[in-house]
PDB file of N, CA and C in Angstrom:
ATOM      1  N   MET A   1     -14.470  43.714 -70.844  1.00  0.00           N
ATOM      2  CA  MET A   1     -13.950  43.979 -69.669  1.00  0.00           C
ATOM      3  C   MET A   1     -13.549  45.140 -68.933  1.00  0.00           C
ATOM      4  N   SER A   2     -13.636  45.244 -68.231  1.00  0.00           N
ATOM      5  CA  SER A   2     -12.763  46.321 -67.378  1.00  0.00           C
ATOM      6  C   SER A   2     -12.026  46.218 -66.394  1.00  0.00           C
ATOM      7  N   ILE A   3     -11.304  45.172 -66.406  1.00  0.00           N
ATOM      8  CA  ILE A   3     -11.277  44.236 -65.550  1.00  0.00           C
ATOM      9  C   ILE A   3      -9.940  43.651 -66.003  1.00  0.00           C
ATOM     10  N   PRO A   4      -7.940  44.449 -65.820  1.00  0.00           N
ATOM     11  CA  PRO A   4      -7.493  43.989 -67.109  1.00  0.00           C
ATOM     12  C   PRO A   4      -7.200  42.018 -66.598  1.00  0.00           C
ATOM     13  N   GLY A   5      -6.581  41.608 -68.256  1.00  0.00           N
ATOM     14  CA  GLY A   5      -6.841  40.069 -68.170  1.00  0.00           C
ATOM     15  C   GLY A   5      -7.856  39.598 -68.155  1.00  0.00           C
ATOM     16  N   ALA A   6      -9.216  40.007 -68.075  1.00  0.00           N
ATOM     17  CA  ALA A   6     -10.022  39.400 -68.188  1.00  0.00           C
ATOM     18  C   ALA A   6     -10.382  38.243 -69.239  1.00  0.00           C
ATOM     19  N   LEU A   7     -10.645  37.300 -69.498  1.00  0.00           N
ATOM     20  CA  LEU A   7     -11.224  36.467 -70.449  1.00  0.00           C
ATOM     21  C   LEU A   7     -12.568  36.244 -70.375  1.00  0.00           C
ATOM     22  N   GLY A   8     -12.942  36.286 -69.254  1.00  0.00           N
ATOM     23  CA  GLY A   8     -14.837  36.138 -69.028  1.00  0.00           C
ATOM     24  C   GLY A   8     -15.265  35.381 -67.670  1.00  0.00           C
ATOM     25  N   ALA A   9     -16.680  35.988 -67.574  1.00  0.00           N
ATOM     26  CA  ALA A   9     -16.912  35.767 -66.433  1.00  0.00           C
ATOM     27  C   ALA A   9     -18.186  35.317 -66.454  1.00  0.00           C
ATOM     28  N   ILE A  10     -18.638  34.926 -64.867  1.00  0.00           N
ATOM     29  CA  ILE A  10     -20.022  33.880 -65.421  1.00  0.00           C
ATOM     30  C   ILE A  10     -20.850  34.164 -64.011  1.00  0.00           C
ATOM     31  N   LEU A  11     -22.183  34.438 -63.851  1.00  0.00           N
ATOM     32  CA  LEU A  11     -22.982  34.530 -62.837  1.00  0.00           C
ATOM     33  C   LEU A  11     -23.940  33.339 -62.919  1.00  0.00           C
ATOM     34  N   VAL A  12     -23.488  32.268 -61.919  1.00  0.00           N
ATOM     35  CA  VAL A  12     -24.358  31.087 -61.607  1.00  0.00           C
ATOM     36  C   VAL A  12     -25.048  31.231 -60.295  1.00  0.00           C
ATOM     37  N   ASP A  13     -26.357  30.463 -60.383  1.00  0.00           N
ATOM     38  CA  ASP A  13     -26.914  30.345 -59.302  1.00  0.00           C
ATOM     39  C   ASP A  13     -26.881  29.560 -58.609  1.00  0.00           C
ATOM     40  N   HIS A  14     -26.489  29.397 -57.815  1.00  0.00           N
ATOM     41  CA  HIS A  14     -25.391  29.020 -56.482  1.00  0.00           C
ATOM     42  C   HIS A  14     -26.297  27.363 -56.203  1.00  0.00           C
ATOM     43  N   THR A  15     -27.213  27.978 -56.013  1.00  0.00           N
ATOM     44  CA  THR A  15     -28.455  26.911 -55.623  1.00  0.00           C
ATOM     45  C   THR A  15     -28.525  25.513 -56.531  1.00  0.00           C
ATOM     46  N   SER A  16     -28.821  25.851 -57.624  1.00  0.00           N
ATOM     47  CA  SER A  16     -29.389  25.063 -59.158  1.00  0.00           C
ATOM     48  C   SER A  16     -28.184  24.797 -59.586  1.00  0.00           C
ATOM     49  N   GLY A  17     -27.105  25.593 -59.905  1.00  0.00           N
ATOM     50  CA  GLY A  17     -25.929  25.358 -60.709  1.00  0.00           C
ATOM     51  C   GLY A  17     -25.687  25.507 -61.840  1.00  0.00           C
ATOM     52  N   MET A  18     -26.647  26.405 -62.302  1.00  0.00           N
ATOM     53  CA  MET A  18     -27.037  26.916 -63.217  1.00  0.00           C
ATOM     54  C   MET A  18     -26.745  28.508 -63.786  1.00  0.00           C
ATOM     55  N   ALA A  19     -25.696  28.444 -64.768  1.00  0.00           N
ATOM     56  CA  ALA A  19     -25.651  29.457 -65.436  1.00  0.00           C
ATOM     57  C   ALA A  19     -27.071  30.367 -65.538  1.00  0.00           C
ATOM     58  N   VAL A  20     -26.212  32.210 -65.475  1.00  0.00           N
ATOM     59  CA  VAL A  20     -27.267  33.265 -64.879  1.00  0.00           C
ATOM     60  C   VAL A  20     -27.258  33.565 -66.522  1.00  0.00           C
ATOM     61  N   ALA A  21     -25.580  34.027 -66.455  1.00  0.00           N
ATOM     62  CA  ALA A  21     -25.732  35.060 -67.708  1.00  0.00           C
ATOM     63  C   ALA A  21     -23.990  34.470 -67.867  1.00  0.00           C
ATOM     64  N   ALA A  22     -23.398  34.914 -69.041  1.00  0.00           N
ATOM     65  CA  ALA A  22     -21.868  35.010 -69.307  1.00  0.00           C
ATOM     66  C   ALA A  22     -21.889  35.346 -70.483  1.00  0.00           C
ATOM     67  N   LYS A  23     -20.427  35.381 -70.508  1.00  0.00           N
ATOM     68  CA  LYS A  23     -19.666  36.716 -71.708  1.00  0.00           C
ATOM     69  C   LYS A  23     -18.084  35.689 -71.592  1.00  0.00           C
ATOM     70  N   GLY A  24     -17.689  35.223 -72.688  1.00  0.00           N
ATOM     71  CA  GLY A  24     -16.389  34.886 -72.702  1.00  0.00           C
ATOM     72  C   GLY A  24     -16.154  33.893 -72.165  1.00  0.00           C
ATOM     73  N   ILE A  25     -17.293  32.415 -72.270  1.00  0.00           N
ATOM     74  CA  ILE A  25     -17.403  31.703 -71.722  1.00  0.00           C
ATOM     75  C   ILE A  25     -17.617  30.559 -72.500  1.00  0.00           C
ATOM     76  N   ALA A  26     -17.112  29.539 -73.581  1.00  0.00           N
ATOM     77  CA  ALA A  26     -17.288  28.581 -74.098  1.00  0.00           C
ATOM     78  C   ALA A  26     -18.789  27.614 -74.091  1.00  0.00           C
ATOM     79  N   ASP A  27     -18.647  27.137 -73.016  1.00  0.00           N
ATOM     80  CA  ASP A  27     -19.699  26.070 -72.159  1.00  0.00           C
ATOM     81  C   ASP A  27     -20.275  27.151 -70.755  1.00  0.00           C
ATOM     82  N   PRO A  28     -21.481  27.425 -70.988  1.00  0.00           N
ATOM     83  CA  PRO A  28     -21.935  28.065 -69.095  1.00  0.00           C
ATOM     84  C   PRO A  28     -22.750  27.271 -68.502  1.00  0.00           C
ATOM     85  N   GLY A  29     -23.093  26.368 -69.288  1.00  0.00           N
ATOM     86  CA  GLY A  29     -23.570  25.306 -68.417  1.00  0.00           C
ATOM     87  C   GLY A  29     -22.253  24.560 -67.416  1.00  0.00           C
ATOM     88  N   ARG A  30     -22.073  23.379 -67.869  1.00  0.00           N
ATOM     89  CA  ARG A  30     -20.886  22.848 -67.629  1.00  0.00           C
ATOM     90  C   ARG A  30     -19.722  23.842 -66.634  1.00  0.00           C
ATOM     91  N   ALA A  31     -19.485  25.141 -67.550  1.00  0.00           N
ATOM     92  CA  ALA A  31     -18.658  25.934 -66.322  1.00  0.00           C
ATOM     93  C   ALA A  31     -19.693  25.764 -65.390  1.00  0.00           C
ATOM     94  N   ALA A  32     -20.883  26.671 -65.072  1.00  0.00           N
ATOM     95  CA  ALA A  32     -21.489  26.804 -63.750  1.00  0.00           C
ATOM     96  C   ALA A  32     -21.723  25.833 -62.840  1.00  0.00           C
ATOM     97  N   ALA A  33     -22.189  24.105 -63.853  1.00  0.00           N
ATOM     98  CA  ALA A  33     -22.210  23.322 -62.834  1.00  0.00           C
ATOM     99  C   ALA A  33     -20.498  23.295 -62.355  1.00  0.00           C
ATOM    100  N   GLY A  34     -19.598  22.985 -62.746  1.00  0.00           N
ATOM    101  CA  GLY A  34     -18.328  22.656 -62.355  1.00  0.00           C
ATOM    102  C   GLY A  34     -17.915  23.844 -61.451  1.00  0.00           C
ATOM    103  N   LEU A  35     -18.157  25.129 -61.250  1.00  0.00           N
ATOM    104  CA  LEU A  35     -17.598  25.962 -60.517  1.00  0.00           C
ATOM    105  C   LEU A  35     -18.635  26.269 -59.371  1.00  0.00           C
ATOM    106  N   SER A  36     -20.118  25.832 -59.071  1.00  0.00           N
ATOM    107  CA  SER A  36     -20.392  25.590 -57.989  1.00  0.00           C
ATOM    108  C   SER A  36     -20.671  24.445 -57.401  1.00  0.00           C
ATOM    109  N   GLY A  37     -20.334  23.439 -57.647  1.00  0.00           N
ATOM    110  CA  GLY A  37     -19.387  22.158 -57.423  1.00  0.00           C
ATOM    111  C   GLY A  37     -18.507  22.379 -56.582  1.00  0.00           C
ATOM    112  N   ALA A  38     -17.325  22.879 -57.134  1.00  0.00           N
ATOM    113  CA  ALA A  38     -15.450  23.384 -56.489  1.00  0.00           C
ATOM    114  C   ALA A  38     -16.330  24.464 -55.283  1.00  0.00           C
ATOM    115  N   TYR A  39     -17.304  25.458 -55.661  1.00  0.00           N
ATOM    116  CA  TYR A  39     -17.111  25.897 -54.702  1.00  0.00           C
ATOM    117  C   TYR A  39     -18.258  25.697 -52.801  1.00  0.00           C
ATOM    118  N   ARG A  40     -18.786  25.002 -53.051  1.00  0.00           N
ATOM    119  CA  ARG A  40     -19.808  24.013 -52.475  1.00  0.00           C
ATOM    120  C   ARG A  40     -18.885  23.309 -51.241  1.00  0.00           C
ATOM    121  N   ALA A  41     -17.856  22.345 -52.202  1.00  0.00           N
ATOM    122  CA  ALA A  41     -16.356  21.590 -51.707  1.00  0.00           C
ATOM    123  C   ALA A  41     -16.168  22.429 -50.887  1.00  0.00           C
ATOM    124  N   THR A  42     -15.249  23.691 -51.479  1.00  0.00           N
ATOM    125  CA  THR A  42     -14.230  24.213 -50.621  1.00  0.00           C
ATOM    126  C   THR A  42     -14.946  25.136 -49.231  1.00  0.00           C
ATOM    127  N   LEU A  43     -16.077  25.218 -49.610  1.00  0.00           N
ATOM    128  CA  LEU A  43     -17.018  25.561 -48.003  1.00  0.00           C
ATOM    129  C   LEU A  43     -16.879  24.269 -47.670  1.00  0.00           C
ATOM    130  N   ASP A  44     -17.043  23.443 -47.645  1.00  0.00           N
ATOM    131  CA  ASP A  44     -16.974  22.022 -46.615  1.00  0.00           C
ATOM    132  C   ASP A  44     -16.183  21.779 -46.219  1.00  0.00           C
ATOM    133  N   GLY A  45     -14.841  22.049 -47.101  1.00  0.00           N
ATOM    134  CA  GLY A  45     -13.486  21.818 -46.720  1.00  0.00           C
ATOM    135  C   GLY A  45     -13.115  22.857 -45.983  1.00  0.00           C
ATOM    136  N   VAL A  46     -13.325  23.773 -45.607  1.00  0.00           N
ATOM    137  CA  VAL A  46     -13.621  24.990 -45.138  1.00  0.00           C
ATOM    138  C   VAL A  46     -13.820  24.952 -44.081  1.00  0.00           C
ATOM    139  N   ALA A  47     -14.880  24.896 -43.354  1.00  0.00           N
ATOM    140  CA  ALA A  47     -15.917  24.249 -42.336  1.00  0.00           C
ATOM    141  C   ALA A  47     -15.411  23.268 -41.419  1.00  0.00           C
ATOM    142  N   THR A  48     -14.732  21.947 -41.845  1.00  0.00           N
ATOM    143  CA  THR A  48     -14.200  20.915 -41.535  1.00  0.00           C
ATOM    144  C   THR A  48     -12.952  21.335 -40.823  1.00  0.00           C
ATOM    145  N   ALA A  49     -12.403  21.790 -41.538  1.00  0.00           N
ATOM    146  CA  ALA A  49     -10.913  22.216 -41.187  1.00  0.00           C
ATOM    147  C   ALA A  49     -10.844  23.755 -40.069  1.00  0.00           C
ATOM    148  N   SER A  50     -12.119  23.936 -40.111  1.00  0.00           N
ATOM    149  CA  SER A  50     -11.736  25.558 -39.263  1.00  0.00           C
ATOM    150  C   SER A  50     -12.606  25.282 -37.639  1.00  0.00           C
ATOM    151  N   GLU A  51     -11.740  26.066 -36.934  1.00  0.00           N
ATOM    152  CA  GLU A  51     -12.716  26.088 -35.616  1.00  0.00           C
ATOM    153  C   GLU A  51     -13.778  27.201 -35.494  1.00  0.00           C
ATOM    154  N   GLU A  52     -13.573  27.954 -36.308  1.00  0.00           N
ATOM    155  CA  GLU A  52     -14.259  29.337 -36.038  1.00  0.00           C
ATOM    156  C   GLU A  52     -15.479  28.853 -36.249  1.00  0.00           C
ATOM    157  N   THR A  53     -16.880  29.453 -35.915  1.00  0.00           N
ATOM    158  CA  THR A  53     -18.474  28.768 -36.088  1.00  0.00           C
ATOM    159  C   THR A  53     -18.968  29.821 -37.111  1.00  0.00           C
ATOM    160  N   GLY A  54     -19.755  29.965 -37.958  1.00  0.00           N
ATOM    161  CA  GLY A  54     -20.334  30.837 -39.227  1.00  0.00           C
ATOM    162  C   GLY A  54     -19.314  31.676 -39.715  1.00  0.00           C
ATOM    163  N   LEU A  55     -18.620  31.231 -40.755  1.00  0.00           N
ATOM    164  CA  LEU A  55     -17.402  31.535 -41.480  1.00  0.00           C
ATOM    165  C   LEU A  55     -18.341  31.841 -42.819  1.00  0.00           C
ATOM    166  N   ARG A  56     -17.644  33.041 -43.422  1.00  0.00           N
ATOM    167  CA  ARG A  56     -18.211  34.195 -44.397  1.00  0.00           C
ATOM    168  C   ARG A  56     -17.223  33.638 -45.227  1.00  0.00           C
ATOM    169  N   VAL A  57     -17.220  33.060 -46.490  1.00  0.00           N
ATOM    170  CA  VAL A  57     -16.234  33.254 -47.140  1.00  0.00           C
ATOM    171  C   VAL A  57     -16.212  34.483 -48.258  1.00  0.00           C
ATOM    172  N   GLU A  58     -15.258  35.272 -48.247  1.00  0.00           N
ATOM    173  CA  GLU A  58     -15.394  36.381 -49.424  1.00  0.00           C
ATOM    174  C   GLU A  58     -14.907  36.561 -51.289  1.00  0.00           C
ATOM    175  N   ASP A  59     -14.187  35.067 -51.270  1.00  0.00           N
ATOM    176  CA  ASP A  59     -13.693  34.885 -52.160  1.00  0.00           C
ATOM    177  C   ASP A  59     -12.493  33.440 -52.365  1.00  0.00           C
ATOM    178  N   VAL A  60     -12.666  32.917 -53.433  1.00  0.00           N
ATOM    179  CA  VAL A  60     -12.373  31.637 -54.068  1.00  0.00           C
ATOM    180  C   VAL A  60     -11.337  31.646 -55.197  1.00  0.00           C
ATOM    181  N   ILE A  61     -10.020  31.494 -54.801  1.00  0.00           N
ATOM    182  CA  ILE A  61      -8.855  31.922 -56.102  1.00  0.00           C
ATOM    183  C   ILE A  61      -8.423  30.478 -56.416  1.00  0.00           C
ATOM    184  N   VAL A  62      -8.176  29.651 -57.889  1.00  0.00           N
ATOM    185  CA  VAL A  62      -8.068  28.916 -58.227  1.00  0.00           C
ATOM    186  C   VAL A  62      -7.104  29.333 -59.249  1.00  0.00           C
ATOM    187  N   THR A  63      -5.427  28.944 -58.738  1.00  0.00           N
ATOM    188  CA  THR A  63      -5.071  29.006 -60.301  1.00  0.00           C
ATOM    189  C   THR A  63      -4.471  28.029 -60.830  1.00  0.00           C
ATOM    190  N   THR A  64      -4.131  28.595 -62.330  1.00  0.00           N
ATOM    191  CA  THR A  64      -3.413  26.904 -62.949  1.00  0.00           C
ATOM    192  C   THR A  64      -2.217  27.880 -63.713  1.00  0.00           C
ATOM    193  N   GLY A  65      -2.363  26.958 -64.585  1.00  0.00           N
ATOM    194  CA  GLY A  65      -1.153  27.458 -65.280  1.00  0.00           C
ATOM    195  C   GLY A  65      -1.116  28.551 -65.987  1.00  0.00           C
ATOM    196  N   THR A  66      -2.127  28.697 -66.863  1.00  0.00           N
ATOM    197  CA  THR A  66      -2.364  29.740 -67.393  1.00  0.00           C
ATOM    198  C   THR A  66      -3.515  30.868 -67.091  1.00  0.00           C
ATOM    199  N   SER A  67      -4.116  30.161 -66.141  1.00  0.00           N
ATOM    200  CA  SER A  67      -4.923  30.966 -65.336  1.00  0.00           C
ATOM    201  C   SER A  67      -5.777  31.594 -64.152  1.00  0.00           C
ATOM    202  N   TYR A  68      -5.995  32.078 -63.570  1.00  0.00           N
ATOM    203  CA  TYR A  68      -6.644  32.780 -62.074  1.00  0.00           C
ATOM    204  C   TYR A  68      -8.087  32.342 -62.976  1.00  0.00           C
ATOM    205  N   HIS A  69      -9.331  32.042 -61.222  1.00  0.00           N
ATOM    206  CA  HIS A  69     -10.365  32.274 -61.548  1.00  0.00           C
ATOM    207  C   HIS A  69     -10.337  32.067 -60.103  1.00  0.00           C
ATOM    208  N   LEU A  70     -11.448  33.577 -60.405  1.00  0.00           N
ATOM    209  CA  LEU A  70     -11.678  33.984 -58.735  1.00  0.00           C
ATOM    210  C   LEU A  70     -13.569  33.764 -59.047  1.00  0.00           C
ATOM    211  N   VAL A  71     -13.867  33.485 -57.788  1.00  0.00           N
ATOM    212  CA  VAL A  71     -15.232  32.978 -57.610  1.00  0.00           C
ATOM    213  C   VAL A  71     -15.947  33.842 -56.263  1.00  0.00           C
ATOM    214  N   ARG A  72     -17.028  34.460 -56.755  1.00  0.00           N
ATOM    215  CA  ARG A  72     -17.235  35.344 -55.192  1.00  0.00           C
ATOM    216  C   ARG A  72     -18.627  35.555 -55.467  1.00  0.00           C
ATOM    217  N   PRO A  73     -18.880  35.159 -54.187  1.00  0.00           N
ATOM    218  CA  PRO A  73     -20.556  34.489 -53.676  1.00  0.00           C
ATOM    219  C   PRO A  73     -21.343  36.033 -53.537  1.00  0.00           C
ATOM    220  N   MET A  74     -22.391  36.306 -53.550  1.00  0.00           N
ATOM    221  CA  MET A  74     -23.370  37.350 -53.676  1.00  0.00           C
ATOM    222  C   MET A  74     -24.196  36.336 -53.386  1.00  0.00           C
ATOM    223  N   GLU A  75     -25.185  37.151 -51.623  1.00  0.00           N
ATOM    224  CA  GLU A  75     -26.448  36.947 -51.223  1.00  0.00           C
ATOM    225  C   GLU A  75     -27.470  38.007 -51.959  1.00  0.00           C
ATOM    226  N   MET A  76     -28.190  37.435 -52.714  1.00  0.00           N
ATOM    227  CA  MET A  76     -29.230  38.322 -52.593  1.00  0.00           C
ATOM    228  C   MET A  76     -30.514  38.319 -52.336  1.00  0.00           C
ATOM    229  N   MET A  77     -31.327  39.276 -52.105  1.00  0.00           N
ATOM    230  CA  MET A  77     -32.553  39.133 -51.230  1.00  0.00           C
ATOM    231  C   MET A  77     -33.372  38.210 -51.742  1.00  0.00           C
ATOM    232  N   PHE A  78     -34.260  38.240 -52.491  1.00  0.00           N
ATOM    233  CA  PHE A  78     -34.531  37.560 -53.199  1.00  0.00           C
ATOM    234  C   PHE A  78     -34.561  36.431 -54.769  1.00  0.00           C
ATOM    235  N   ASP A  79     -33.058  36.796 -55.386  1.00  0.00           N
ATOM    236  CA  ASP A  79     -32.776  35.626 -56.117  1.00  0.00           C
ATOM    237  C   ASP A  79     -32.446  34.532 -55.250  1.00  0.00           C
ATOM    238  N   GLY A  80     -31.747  34.381 -53.987  1.00  0.00           N
ATOM    239  CA  GLY A  80     -30.469  33.162 -53.792  1.00  0.00           C
ATOM    240  C   GLY A  80     -29.434  33.635 -53.745  1.00  0.00           C
ATOM    241  N   PRO A  81     -28.677  32.910 -53.430  1.00  0.00           N
ATOM    242  CA  PRO A  81     -26.703  32.796 -53.206  1.00  0.00           C
ATOM    243  C   PRO A  81     -26.175  33.069 -55.160  1.00  0.00           C
ATOM    244  N   LEU A  82     -25.930  33.762 -55.219  1.00  0.00           N
ATOM    245  CA  LEU A  82     -25.544  33.766 -56.486  1.00  0.00           C
ATOM    246  C   LEU A  82     -23.599  33.398 -56.350  1.00  0.00           C
ATOM    247  N   LEU A  83     -22.788  33.548 -57.764  1.00  0.00           N
ATOM    248  CA  LEU A  83     -21.892  33.076 -58.265  1.00  0.00           C
ATOM    249  C   LEU A  83     -21.498  34.237 -59.022  1.00  0.00           C
ATOM    250  N   LEU A  84     -20.502  35.215 -58.634  1.00  0.00           N
ATOM    251  CA  LEU A  84     -19.615  35.947 -59.725  1.00  0.00           C
ATOM    252  C   LEU A  84     -18.305  35.359 -60.359  1.00  0.00           C
ATOM    253  N   CYS A  85     -18.171  34.698 -61.149  1.00  0.00           N
ATOM    254  CA  CYS A  85     -16.807  33.778 -61.315  1.00  0.00           C
ATOM    255  C   CYS A  85     -16.161  34.330 -62.318  1.00  0.00           C
ATOM    256  N   LEU A  86     -14.880  35.026 -62.391  1.00  0.00           N
ATOM    257  CA  LEU A  86     -14.251  35.645 -62.863  1.00  0.00           C
ATOM    258  C   LEU A  86     -13.165  34.421 -63.407  1.00  0.00           C
ATOM    259  N   ARG A  87     -12.842  34.509 -64.998  1.00  0.00           N
ATOM    260  CA  ARG A  87     -11.317  34.044 -65.405  1.00  0.00           C
ATOM    261  C   ARG A  87     -10.145  34.941 -66.160  1.00  0.00           C
ATOM    262  N   LEU A  88      -9.348  34.922 -65.408  1.00  0.00           N
ATOM    263  CA  LEU A  88      -8.374  35.639 -65.663  1.00  0.00           C
ATOM    264  C   LEU A  88      -6.478  35.111 -66.373  1.00  0.00           C
ATOM    265  N   ASP A  89      -6.026  35.894 -67.149  1.00  0.00           N
ATOM    266  CA  ASP A  89      -4.864  35.326 -67.629  1.00  0.00           C
ATOM    267  C   ASP A  89      -3.621  35.679 -67.358  1.00  0.00           C
ATOM    268  N   VAL A  90      -3.621  34.466 -66.648  1.00  0.00           N
ATOM    269  CA  VAL A  90      -2.270  34.654 -65.727  1.00  0.00           C
ATOM    270  C   VAL A  90      -1.133  35.797 -66.246  1.00  0.00           C
ATOM    271  N   GLU A  91      -0.892  35.635 -67.403  1.00  0.00           N
ATOM    272  CA  GLU A  91       0.346  36.588 -67.697  1.00  0.00           C
ATOM    273  C   GLU A  91      -0.354  38.262 -67.832  1.00  0.00           C
ATOM    274  N   ARG A  92      -1.355  38.202 -67.570  1.00  0.00           N
ATOM    275  CA  ARG A  92      -1.714  39.673 -68.367  1.00  0.00           C
ATOM    276  C   ARG A  92      -2.373  40.169 -66.865  1.00  0.00           C
ATOM    277  N   ALA A  93      -2.749  39.571 -65.914  1.00  0.00           N
ATOM    278  CA  ALA A  93      -3.964  40.008 -65.108  1.00  0.00           C
ATOM    279  C   ALA A  93      -3.302  40.615 -63.556  1.00  0.00           C
ATOM    280  N   ASN A  94      -3.663  41.176 -62.990  1.00  0.00           N
ATOM    281  CA  ASN A  94      -3.221  41.619 -62.051  1.00  0.00           C
ATOM    282  C   ASN A  94      -4.168  41.239 -60.182  1.00  0.00           C
ATOM    283  N   LEU A  95      -3.340  40.042 -60.012  1.00  0.00           N
ATOM    284  CA  LEU A  95      -4.828  39.708 -59.346  1.00  0.00           C
ATOM    285  C   LEU A  95      -5.210  40.663 -58.068  1.00  0.00           C
ATOM    286  N   ALA A  96      -4.408  41.065 -57.482  1.00  0.00           N
ATOM    287  CA  ALA A  96      -4.866  41.866 -56.176  1.00  0.00           C
ATOM    288  C   ALA A  96      -6.138  43.252 -57.548  1.00  0.00           C
ATOM    289  N   LEU A  97      -5.537  43.745 -57.992  1.00  0.00           N
ATOM    290  CA  LEU A  97      -6.917  44.359 -58.297  1.00  0.00           C
ATOM    291  C   LEU A  97      -8.189  43.717 -58.495  1.00  0.00           C
ATOM    292  N   ALA A  98      -7.684  42.712 -59.501  1.00  0.00           N
ATOM    293  CA  ALA A  98      -9.178  42.334 -59.835  1.00  0.00           C
ATOM    294  C   ALA A  98     -10.008  41.680 -58.867  1.00  0.00           C
ATOM    295  N   ARG A  99      -9.362  41.014 -57.670  1.00  0.00           N
ATOM    296  CA  ARG A  99      -9.936  40.854 -56.416  1.00  0.00           C
ATOM    297  C   ARG A  99     -10.572  42.982 -55.814  1.00  0.00           C
ATOM    298  N   LEU A 100      -9.588  43.266 -55.837  1.00  0.00           N
ATOM    299  CA  LEU A 100     -10.554  44.550 -55.997  1.00  0.00           C
ATOM    300  C   LEU A 100     -12.038  45.534 -56.749  1.00  0.00           C
ATOM    301  N   ARG A 101     -11.801  44.997 -57.688  1.00  0.00           N
ATOM    302  CA  ARG A 101     -12.689  45.279 -58.421  1.00  0.00           C
ATOM    303  C   ARG A 101     -13.470  44.108 -58.594  1.00  0.00           C
ATOM    304  N   LEU A 102     -13.466  42.917 -58.500  1.00  0.00           N
ATOM    305  CA  LEU A 102     -14.988  41.973 -58.249  1.00  0.00           C
ATOM    306  C   LEU A 102     -15.358  42.110 -57.303  1.00  0.00           C
ATOM    307  N   ARG A 103     -14.819  42.581 -56.158  1.00  0.00           N
ATOM    308  CA  ARG A 103     -15.294  42.859 -54.757  1.00  0.00           C
ATOM    309  C   ARG A 103     -16.619  44.486 -55.288  1.00  0.00           C
ATOM    310  N   ALA A 104     -15.672  45.533 -55.937  1.00  0.00           N
ATOM    311  CA  ALA A 104     -16.537  46.368 -56.018  1.00  0.00           C
ATOM    312  C   ALA A 104     -17.587  46.069 -57.012  1.00  0.00           C
ATOM    313  N   ILE A 105     -17.765  45.302 -57.717  1.00  0.00           N
ATOM    314  CA  ILE A 105     -18.591  45.703 -58.472  1.00  0.00           C
ATOM    315  C   ILE A 105     -20.062  44.267 -57.807  1.00  0.00           C
ATOM    316  N   THR A 106     -19.540  43.019 -57.015  1.00  0.00           N
ATOM    317  CA  THR A 106     -20.696  42.407 -56.341  1.00  0.00           C
ATOM    318  C   THR A 106     -21.421  43.256 -55.498  1.00  0.00           C
ATOM    319  N   ASP A 107     -20.265  44.227 -54.862  1.00  0.00           N
ATOM    320  CA  ASP A 107     -20.756  44.945 -54.138  1.00  0.00           C
ATOM    321  C   ASP A 107     -22.198  45.987 -53.920  1.00  0.00           C
ATOM    322  N   GLU A 108     -21.763  46.432 -55.650  1.00  0.00           N
ATOM    323  CA  GLU A 108     -22.661  47.397 -56.192  1.00  0.00           C
ATOM    324  C   GLU A 108     -23.966  46.769 -56.352  1.00  0.00           C
ATOM    325  N   LEU A 109     -23.742  45.261 -56.766  1.00  0.00           N
ATOM    326  CA  LEU A 109     -25.190  44.824 -57.365  1.00  0.00           C
ATOM    327  C   LEU A 109     -26.155  43.935 -56.630  1.00  0.00           C
ATOM    328  N   VAL A 110     -25.388  44.054 -55.621  1.00  0.00           N
ATOM    329  CA  VAL A 110     -25.870  43.509 -54.162  1.00  0.00           C
ATOM    330  C   VAL A 110     -26.542  44.900 -53.432  1.00  0.00           C
ATOM    331  N   ALA A 111     -26.289  46.207 -53.561  1.00  0.00           N
ATOM    332  CA  ALA A 111     -27.031  47.212 -53.133  1.00  0.00           C
ATOM    333  C   ALA A 111     -27.957  47.524 -54.058  1.00  0.00           C
ATOM    334  N   SER A 112     -28.429  47.223 -55.460  1.00  0.00           N
ATOM    335  CA  SER A 112     -28.981  47.633 -55.883  1.00  0.00           C
ATOM    336  C   SER A 112     -30.372  46.728 -56.112  1.00  0.00           C
TER     337      SER A 112
END
């Protein structure tokens, strides 16, 4: 992977919670279901806590003792909402750079 510190990535169909593609993920089905559920819960929580309407979540970051998990939604014209999820090694990754690269990747995928 071209993102320093990347350990794995998975593309998830947000609607079904199923893995579309994965690399470096031991159990893509389980990971996809968990990530889509966590993303939905985050959206619900932010919508409930915020006074703004029509919020658009750009990404979600979860930090553990050993890794960062970046989740970036993509609205695809024909395929529906997808999530591109990236797992990074906390010791080797640059979180800001990873966010920028993940945004560039998703922007390119949505545009094509």
